[in-house]
């Protein structure tokens, strides 16, 4: 089921990126929630591994990146409104 969830979210992200640019802030919120939720579950219910799983490294990069992109998108939309007015 995990792979199916990732596939569906990837399709959603691709559609938003290509066709529905006004939903980009929502996409970045979903990206953050997906990785933050995985982080919380990993902290609450640990997984015994021999090394660092590859997803853990991606989460450490994508959580702050998604917040930065959300802030950048929201600031950009305010500036474009000022220019139009």
PDB file of N, CA and C in Angstrom:
ATOM      1  N   UNK A   1       0.815  -1.196   0.000  1.00  0.00           N
ATOM      2  CA  UNK A   1       0.000   0.000   0.000  1.00  0.00           C
ATOM      3  C   UNK A   1       0.856   1.256   0.000  1.00  0.00           C
ATOM      4  N   UNK A   2       2.028   1.194   0.597  1.00  0.00           N
ATOM      5  CA  UNK A   2       2.873   2.386   0.681  1.00  0.00           C
ATOM      6  C   UNK A   2       3.248   2.864  -0.712  1.00  0.00           C
ATOM      7  N   UNK A   3       3.593   1.953  -1.602  1.00  0.00           N
ATOM      8  CA  UNK A   3       3.967   2.326  -2.961  1.00  0.00           C
ATOM      9  C   UNK A   3       2.810   2.951  -3.721  1.00  0.00           C
ATOM     10  N   UNK A   4       1.595   2.442  -3.510  1.00  0.00           N
ATOM     11  CA  UNK A   4       0.427   2.998  -4.171  1.00  0.00           C
ATOM     12  C   UNK A   4       0.167   4.416  -3.690  1.00  0.00           C
ATOM     13  N   UNK A   5       0.311   4.647  -2.405  1.00  0.00           N
ATOM     14  CA  UNK A   5       0.128   5.995  -1.860  1.00  0.00           C
ATOM     15  C   UNK A   5       1.122   6.980  -2.443  1.00  0.00           C
ATOM     16  N   UNK A   6       2.368   6.554  -2.563  1.00  0.00           N
ATOM     17  CA  UNK A   6       3.384   7.425  -3.149  1.00  0.00           C
ATOM     18  C   UNK A   6       3.101   7.692  -4.623  1.00  0.00           C
ATOM     19  N   UNK A   7       2.644   6.676  -5.335  1.00  0.00           N
ATOM     20  CA  UNK A   7       2.309   6.853  -6.740  1.00  0.00           C
ATOM     21  C   UNK A   7       1.168   7.853  -6.911  1.00  0.00           C
ATOM     22  N   UNK A   8       0.124   7.723  -6.108  1.00  0.00           N
ATOM     23  CA  UNK A   8      -1.014   8.642  -6.197  1.00  0.00           C
ATOM     24  C   UNK A   8      -0.613  10.068  -5.851  1.00  0.00           C
ATOM     25  N   UNK A   9       0.204  10.232  -4.806  1.00  0.00           N
ATOM     26  CA  UNK A   9       0.661  11.571  -4.444  1.00  0.00           C
ATOM     27  C   UNK A   9       1.552  12.142  -5.540  1.00  0.00           C
ATOM     28  N   UNK A  10       2.390  11.326  -6.152  1.00  0.00           N
ATOM     29  CA  UNK A  10       3.233  11.785  -7.250  1.00  0.00           C
ATOM     30  C   UNK A  10       2.412  12.256  -8.441  1.00  0.00           C
ATOM     31  N   UNK A  11       1.349  11.529  -8.755  1.00  0.00           N
ATOM     32  CA  UNK A  11       0.462  11.936  -9.850  1.00  0.00           C
ATOM     33  C   UNK A  11      -0.218  13.257  -9.501  1.00  0.00           C
ATOM     34  N   UNK A  12      -0.670  13.384  -8.251  1.00  0.00           N
ATOM     35  CA  UNK A  12      -1.284  14.633  -7.787  1.00  0.00           C
ATOM     36  C   UNK A  12      -0.297  15.794  -7.913  1.00  0.00           C
ATOM     37  N   UNK A  13       0.941  15.592  -7.481  1.00  0.00           N
ATOM     38  CA  UNK A  13       1.954  16.648  -7.559  1.00  0.00           C
ATOM     39  C   UNK A  13       2.230  17.024  -9.015  1.00  0.00           C
ATOM     40  N   UNK A  14       2.294  16.053  -9.907  1.00  0.00           N
ATOM     41  CA  UNK A  14       2.549  16.331 -11.319  1.00  0.00           C
ATOM     42  C   UNK A  14       1.399  17.129 -11.939  1.00  0.00           C
ATOM     43  N   UNK A  15       0.169  16.742 -11.636  1.00  0.00           N
ATOM     44  CA  UNK A  15      -0.990  17.454 -12.181  1.00  0.00           C
ATOM     45  C   UNK A  15      -1.020  18.887 -11.673  1.00  0.00           C
ATOM     46  N   UNK A  16      -0.784  19.068 -10.383  1.00  0.00           N
ATOM     47  CA  UNK A  16      -0.775  20.421  -9.815  1.00  0.00           C
ATOM     48  C   UNK A  16       0.336  21.251 -10.440  1.00  0.00           C
ATOM     49  N   UNK A  17       1.529  20.681 -10.586  1.00  0.00           N
ATOM     50  CA  UNK A  17       2.670  21.426 -11.132  1.00  0.00           C
ATOM     51  C   UNK A  17       2.444  21.843 -12.580  1.00  0.00           C
ATOM     52  N   UNK A  18       1.730  21.019 -13.330  1.00  0.00           N
ATOM     53  CA  UNK A  18       1.544  21.301 -14.754  1.00  0.00           C
ATOM     54  C   UNK A  18       0.298  22.143 -15.019  1.00  0.00           C
ATOM     55  N   UNK A  19      -0.815  21.778 -14.408  1.00  0.00           N
ATOM     56  CA  UNK A  19      -2.093  22.369 -14.807  1.00  0.00           C
ATOM     57  C   UNK A  19      -2.685  23.361 -13.800  1.00  0.00           C
ATOM     58  N   UNK A  20      -2.582  23.088 -12.514  1.00  0.00           N
ATOM     59  CA  UNK A  20      -3.267  23.892 -11.507  1.00  0.00           C
ATOM     60  C   UNK A  20      -2.260  24.618 -10.615  1.00  0.00           C
ATOM     61  N   UNK A  21      -1.642  25.647 -11.150  1.00  0.00           N
ATOM     62  CA  UNK A  21      -0.583  26.358 -10.423  1.00  0.00           C
ATOM     63  C   UNK A  21      -1.100  27.050  -9.166  1.00  0.00           C
ATOM     64  N   UNK A  22      -2.387  27.369  -9.114  1.00  0.00           N
ATOM     65  CA  UNK A  22      -2.934  28.024  -7.925  1.00  0.00           C
ATOM     66  C   UNK A  22      -2.969  27.082  -6.719  1.00  0.00           C
ATOM     67  N   UNK A  23      -2.839  25.778  -6.959  1.00  0.00           N
ATOM     68  CA  UNK A  23      -2.837  24.805  -5.868  1.00  0.00           C
ATOM     69  C   UNK A  23      -1.431  24.469  -5.368  1.00  0.00           C
ATOM     70  N   UNK A  24      -0.406  25.173  -5.855  1.00  0.00           N
ATOM     71  CA  UNK A  24       0.961  24.899  -5.409  1.00  0.00           C
ATOM     72  C   UNK A  24       1.141  25.030  -3.902  1.00  0.00           C
ATOM     73  N   UNK A  25       0.565  26.058  -3.245  1.00  0.00           N
ATOM     74  CA  UNK A  25       0.713  26.104  -1.780  1.00  0.00           C
ATOM     75  C   UNK A  25       0.151  24.862  -1.088  1.00  0.00           C
ATOM     76  N   UNK A  26      -0.994  24.380  -1.543  1.00  0.00           N
ATOM     77  CA  UNK A  26      -1.579  23.164  -0.975  1.00  0.00           C
ATOM     78  C   UNK A  26      -0.674  21.964  -1.205  1.00  0.00           C
ATOM     79  N   UNK A  27      -0.042  21.903  -2.379  1.00  0.00           N
ATOM     80  CA  UNK A  27       0.873  20.807  -2.677  1.00  0.00           C
ATOM     81  C   UNK A  27       2.046  20.805  -1.704  1.00  0.00           C
ATOM     82  N   UNK A  28       2.605  21.979  -1.443  1.00  0.00           N
ATOM     83  CA  UNK A  28       3.741  22.043  -0.520  1.00  0.00           C
ATOM     84  C   UNK A  28       3.320  21.706   0.910  1.00  0.00           C
ATOM     85  N   UNK A  29       2.100  22.052   1.284  1.00  0.00           N
ATOM     86  CA  UNK A  29       1.592  21.655   2.606  1.00  0.00           C
ATOM     87  C   UNK A  29       1.470  20.136   2.677  1.00  0.00           C
ATOM     88  N   UNK A  30       0.953  19.517   1.613  1.00  0.00           N
ATOM     89  CA  UNK A  30       0.844  18.051   1.587  1.00  0.00           C
ATOM     90  C   UNK A  30       2.210  17.375   1.652  1.00  0.00           C
ATOM     91  N   UNK A  31       3.190  17.936   0.936  1.00  0.00           N
ATOM     92  CA  UNK A  31       4.535  17.362   0.981  1.00  0.00           C
ATOM     93  C   UNK A  31       5.077  17.418   2.400  1.00  0.00           C
ATOM     94  N   UNK A  32       4.918  18.573   3.054  1.00  0.00           N
ATOM     95  CA  UNK A  32       5.403  18.703   4.424  1.00  0.00           C
ATOM     96  C   UNK A  32       4.687  17.720   5.346  1.00  0.00           C
ATOM     97  N   UNK A  33       3.361  17.652   5.252  1.00  0.00           N
ATOM     98  CA  UNK A  33       2.597  16.761   6.136  1.00  0.00           C
ATOM     99  C   UNK A  33       2.946  15.297   5.909  1.00  0.00           C
ATOM    100  N   UNK A  34       3.189  14.927   4.655  1.00  0.00           N
ATOM    101  CA  UNK A  34       3.546  13.541   4.353  1.00  0.00           C
ATOM    102  C   UNK A  34       4.864  13.153   5.043  1.00  0.00           C
ATOM    103  N   UNK A  35       5.874  13.982   4.896  1.00  0.00           N
ATOM    104  CA  UNK A  35       7.174  13.652   5.473  1.00  0.00           C
ATOM    105  C   UNK A  35       7.209  13.881   6.978  1.00  0.00           C
ATOM    106  N   UNK A  36       6.502  14.900   7.470  1.00  0.00           N
ATOM    107  CA  UNK A  36       6.456  15.136   8.911  1.00  0.00           C
ATOM    108  C   UNK A  36       5.697  14.013   9.608  1.00  0.00           C
ATOM    109  N   UNK A  37       4.601  13.550   8.992  1.00  0.00           N
ATOM    110  CA  UNK A  37       3.859  12.418   9.550  1.00  0.00           C
ATOM    111  C   UNK A  37       4.703  11.161   9.601  1.00  0.00           C
ATOM    112  N   UNK A  38       5.464  10.910   8.539  1.00  0.00           N
ATOM    113  CA  UNK A  38       6.367   9.758   8.539  1.00  0.00           C
ATOM    114  C   UNK A  38       7.442   9.879   9.610  1.00  0.00           C
ATOM    115  N   UNK A  39       7.937  11.096   9.803  1.00  0.00           N
ATOM    116  CA  UNK A  39       8.925  11.337  10.855  1.00  0.00           C
ATOM    117  C   UNK A  39       8.332  11.053  12.241  1.00  0.00           C
ATOM    118  N   UNK A  40       7.118  11.552  12.485  1.00  0.00           N
ATOM    119  CA  UNK A  40       6.475  11.326  13.787  1.00  0.00           C
ATOM    120  C   UNK A  40       6.202   9.847  14.032  1.00  0.00           C
ATOM    121  N   UNK A  41       5.730   9.160  13.014  1.00  0.00           N
ATOM    122  CA  UNK A  41       5.477   7.728  13.159  1.00  0.00           C
ATOM    123  C   UNK A  41       6.773   6.990  13.433  1.00  0.00           C
ATOM    124  N   UNK A  42       7.835   7.398  12.747  1.00  0.00           N
ATOM    125  CA  UNK A  42       9.142   6.775  12.975  1.00  0.00           C
ATOM    126  C   UNK A  42       9.655   7.006  14.384  1.00  0.00           C
ATOM    127  N   UNK A  43       9.356   8.169  14.966  1.00  0.00           N
ATOM    128  CA  UNK A  43       9.782   8.458  16.329  1.00  0.00           C
ATOM    129  C   UNK A  43       8.932   7.681  17.337  1.00  0.00           C
ATOM    130  N   UNK A  44       7.637   7.584  17.059  1.00  0.00           N
ATOM    131  CA  UNK A  44       6.733   6.904  17.981  1.00  0.00           C
ATOM    132  C   UNK A  44       6.890   5.393  17.907  1.00  0.00           C
ATOM    133  N   UNK A  45       6.994   4.875  16.700  1.00  0.00           N
ATOM    134  CA  UNK A  45       7.083   3.435  16.493  1.00  0.00           C
ATOM    135  C   UNK A  45       8.368   3.164  15.712  1.00  0.00           C
ATOM    136  N   UNK A  46       9.431   2.975  16.435  1.00  0.00           N
ATOM    137  CA  UNK A  46      10.740   2.823  15.822  1.00  0.00           C
ATOM    138  C   UNK A  46      10.863   1.596  14.934  1.00  0.00           C
ATOM    139  N   UNK A  47      11.819   1.657  14.037  1.00  0.00           N
ATOM    140  CA  UNK A  47      12.091   0.575  13.113  1.00  0.00           C
ATOM    141  C   UNK A  47      13.554   0.196  13.261  1.00  0.00           C
ATOM    142  N   UNK A  48      13.823  -1.049  13.567  1.00  0.00           N
ATOM    143  CA  UNK A  48      15.198  -1.501  13.746  1.00  0.00           C
ATOM    144  C   UNK A  48      15.833  -1.738  12.378  1.00  0.00           C
ATOM    145  N   UNK A  49      16.868  -0.960  12.072  1.00  0.00           N
ATOM    146  CA  UNK A  49      17.597  -1.121  10.823  1.00  0.00           C
ATOM    147  C   UNK A  49      19.093  -1.143  11.118  1.00  0.00           C
ATOM    148  N   UNK A  50      19.858  -1.610  10.167  1.00  0.00           N
ATOM    149  CA  UNK A  50      21.307  -1.646  10.340  1.00  0.00           C
ATOM    150  C   UNK A  50      21.949  -0.304  10.017  1.00  0.00           C
ATOM    151  N   UNK A  51      21.292   0.504   9.241  1.00  0.00           N
ATOM    152  CA  UNK A  51      21.811   1.813   8.862  1.00  0.00           C
ATOM    153  C   UNK A  51      20.665   2.793   8.711  1.00  0.00           C
ATOM    154  N   UNK A  52      20.979   3.963   8.220  1.00  0.00           N
ATOM    155  CA  UNK A  52      19.944   4.963   8.007  1.00  0.00           C
ATOM    156  C   UNK A  52      19.170   4.622   6.737  1.00  0.00           C
ATOM    157  N   UNK A  53      17.836   4.485   6.827  1.00  0.00           N
ATOM    158  CA  UNK A  53      17.057   4.207   5.628  1.00  0.00           C
ATOM    159  C   UNK A  53      17.094   5.403   4.681  1.00  0.00           C
ATOM    160  N   UNK A  54      17.037   5.163   3.374  1.00  0.00           N
ATOM    161  CA  UNK A  54      17.127   6.267   2.422  1.00  0.00           C
ATOM    162  C   UNK A  54      16.009   7.294   2.579  1.00  0.00           C
ATOM    163  N   UNK A  55      14.835   6.854   3.000  1.00  0.00           N
ATOM    164  CA  UNK A  55      13.726   7.792   3.175  1.00  0.00           C
ATOM    165  C   UNK A  55      13.968   8.791   4.283  1.00  0.00           C
ATOM    166  N   UNK A  56      14.743   8.424   5.285  1.00  0.00           N
ATOM    167  CA  UNK A  56      15.020   9.335   6.388  1.00  0.00           C
ATOM    168  C   UNK A  56      15.841  10.527   5.920  1.00  0.00           C
ATOM    169  N   UNK A  57      16.774  10.289   5.023  1.00  0.00           N
ATOM    170  CA  UNK A  57      17.593  11.379   4.494  1.00  0.00           C
ATOM    171  C   UNK A  57      16.728  12.305   3.640  1.00  0.00           C
ATOM    172  N   UNK A  58      15.861  11.728   2.825  1.00  0.00           N
ATOM    173  CA  UNK A  58      14.961  12.530   1.995  1.00  0.00           C
ATOM    174  C   UNK A  58      14.027  13.384   2.830  1.00  0.00           C
ATOM    175  N   UNK A  59      13.536  12.834   3.942  1.00  0.00           N
ATOM    176  CA  UNK A  59      12.634  13.586   4.811  1.00  0.00           C
ATOM    177  C   UNK A  59      13.350  14.765   5.449  1.00  0.00           C
ATOM    178  N   UNK A  60      14.604  14.581   5.816  1.00  0.00           N
ATOM    179  CA  UNK A  60      15.361  15.677   6.426  1.00  0.00           C
ATOM    180  C   UNK A  60      15.582  16.817   5.438  1.00  0.00           C
ATOM    181  N   UNK A  61      15.597  16.500   4.164  1.00  0.00           N
ATOM    182  CA  UNK A  61      15.782  17.529   3.142  1.00  0.00           C
ATOM    183  C   UNK A  61      14.434  18.122   2.725  1.00  0.00           C
ATOM    184  N   UNK A  62      13.429  17.273   2.502  1.00  0.00           N
ATOM    185  CA  UNK A  62      12.169  17.742   1.942  1.00  0.00           C
ATOM    186  C   UNK A  62      11.266  18.462   2.934  1.00  0.00           C
ATOM    187  N   UNK A  63      11.362  18.164   4.213  1.00  0.00           N
ATOM    188  CA  UNK A  63      10.519  18.888   5.177  1.00  0.00           C
ATOM    189  C   UNK A  63      10.858  20.382   5.189  1.00  0.00           C
ATOM    190  N   UNK A  64      12.115  20.768   5.433  1.00  0.00           N
ATOM    191  CA  UNK A  64      12.406  22.206   5.413  1.00  0.00           C
ATOM    192  C   UNK A  64      12.264  22.812   4.016  1.00  0.00           C
ATOM    193  N   UNK A  65      12.586  22.046   2.978  1.00  0.00           N
ATOM    194  CA  UNK A  65      12.468  22.566   1.621  1.00  0.00           C
ATOM    195  C   UNK A  65      11.014  22.871   1.269  1.00  0.00           C
ATOM    196  N   UNK A  66      10.088  22.021   1.681  1.00  0.00           N
ATOM    197  CA  UNK A  66       8.677  22.261   1.386  1.00  0.00           C
ATOM    198  C   UNK A  66       8.168  23.507   2.102  1.00  0.00           C
ATOM    199  N   UNK A  67       8.620  23.738   3.335  1.00  0.00           N
ATOM    200  CA  UNK A  67       8.226  24.950   4.060  1.00  0.00           C
ATOM    201  C   UNK A  67       8.812  26.182   3.369  1.00  0.00           C
ATOM    202  N   UNK A  68      10.088  26.107   2.959  1.00  0.00           N
ATOM    203  CA  UNK A  68      10.708  27.242   2.265  1.00  0.00           C
ATOM    204  C   UNK A  68       9.993  27.541   0.953  1.00  0.00           C
ATOM    205  N   UNK A  69       9.628  26.506   0.202  1.00  0.00           N
ATOM    206  CA  UNK A  69       8.933  26.714  -1.060  1.00  0.00           C
ATOM    207  C   UNK A  69       7.531  27.282  -0.839  1.00  0.00           C
ATOM    208  N   UNK A  70       6.851  26.846   0.215  1.00  0.00           N
ATOM    209  CA  UNK A  70       5.536  27.390   0.540  1.00  0.00           C
ATOM    210  C   UNK A  70       5.645  28.875   0.851  1.00  0.00           C
ATOM    211  N   UNK A  71       6.613  29.251   1.658  1.00  0.00           N
ATOM    212  CA  UNK A  71       6.813  30.671   1.998  1.00  0.00           C
ATOM    213  C   UNK A  71       7.161  31.464   0.743  1.00  0.00           C
ATOM    214  N   UNK A  72       8.014  30.909  -0.099  1.00  0.00           N
ATOM    215  CA  UNK A  72       8.414  31.594  -1.334  1.00  0.00           C
ATOM    216  C   UNK A  72       7.218  31.804  -2.262  1.00  0.00           C
ATOM    217  N   UNK A  73       6.385  30.771  -2.408  1.00  0.00           N
ATOM    218  CA  UNK A  73       5.196  30.870  -3.264  1.00  0.00           C
ATOM    219  C   UNK A  73       4.232  31.914  -2.712  1.00  0.00           C
ATOM    220  N   UNK A  74       3.997  31.878  -1.401  1.00  0.00           N
ATOM    221  CA  UNK A  74       3.055  32.820  -0.805  1.00  0.00           C
ATOM    222  C   UNK A  74       3.574  34.255  -0.890  1.00  0.00           C
ATOM    223  N   UNK A  75       4.859  34.477  -0.683  1.00  0.00           N
ATOM    224  CA  UNK A  75       5.423  35.821  -0.821  1.00  0.00           C
ATOM    225  C   UNK A  75       5.360  36.293  -2.263  1.00  0.00           C
ATOM    226  N   UNK A  76       5.592  35.415  -3.188  1.00  0.00           N
ATOM    227  CA  UNK A  76       5.520  35.762  -4.601  1.00  0.00           C
ATOM    228  C   UNK A  76       4.120  36.140  -5.035  1.00  0.00           C
ATOM    229  N   UNK A  77       3.105  35.484  -4.475  1.00  0.00           N
ATOM    230  CA  UNK A  77       1.731  35.809  -4.850  1.00  0.00           C
ATOM    231  C   UNK A  77       1.330  37.173  -4.308  1.00  0.00           C
ATOM    232  N   UNK A  78       1.859  37.564  -3.136  1.00  0.00           N
ATOM    233  CA  UNK A  78       1.566  38.888  -2.596  1.00  0.00           C
ATOM    234  C   UNK A  78       2.231  39.961  -3.445  1.00  0.00           C
ATOM    235  N   UNK A  79       3.450  39.712  -3.903  1.00  0.00           N
ATOM    236  CA  UNK A  79       4.143  40.690  -4.730  1.00  0.00           C
ATOM    237  C   UNK A  79       3.471  40.849  -6.085  1.00  0.00           C
ATOM    238  N   UNK A  80       2.979  39.768  -6.673  1.00  0.00           N
ATOM    239  CA  UNK A  80       2.317  39.878  -7.970  1.00  0.00           C
ATOM    240  C   UNK A  80       1.007  40.629  -7.846  1.00  0.00           C
ATOM    241  N   UNK A  81       0.317  40.512  -6.707  1.00  0.00           N
ATOM    242  CA  UNK A  81      -0.914  41.286  -6.498  1.00  0.00           C
ATOM    243  C   UNK A  81      -0.597  42.772  -6.411  1.00  0.00           C
ATOM    244  N   UNK A  82       0.511  43.112  -5.742  1.00  0.00           N
ATOM    245  CA  UNK A  82       0.904  44.525  -5.631  1.00  0.00           C
ATOM    246  C   UNK A  82       1.243  45.112  -6.992  1.00  0.00           C
ATOM    247  N   UNK A  83       1.877  44.325  -7.833  1.00  0.00           N
ATOM    248  CA  UNK A  83       2.259  44.811  -9.152  1.00  0.00           C
ATOM    249  C   UNK A  83       1.022  45.036 -10.014  1.00  0.00           C
ATOM    250  N   UNK A  84       0.045  44.142  -9.930  1.00  0.00           N
ATOM    251  CA  UNK A  84      -1.165  44.270 -10.722  1.00  0.00           C
ATOM    252  C   UNK A  84      -2.000  45.464 -10.296  1.00  0.00           C
ATOM    253  N   UNK A  85      -1.990  45.797  -9.018  1.00  0.00           N
ATOM    254  CA  UNK A  85      -2.846  46.900  -8.513  1.00  0.00           C
ATOM    255  C   UNK A  85      -2.217  48.197  -8.736  1.00  0.00           C
TER     256      UNK A  85
END
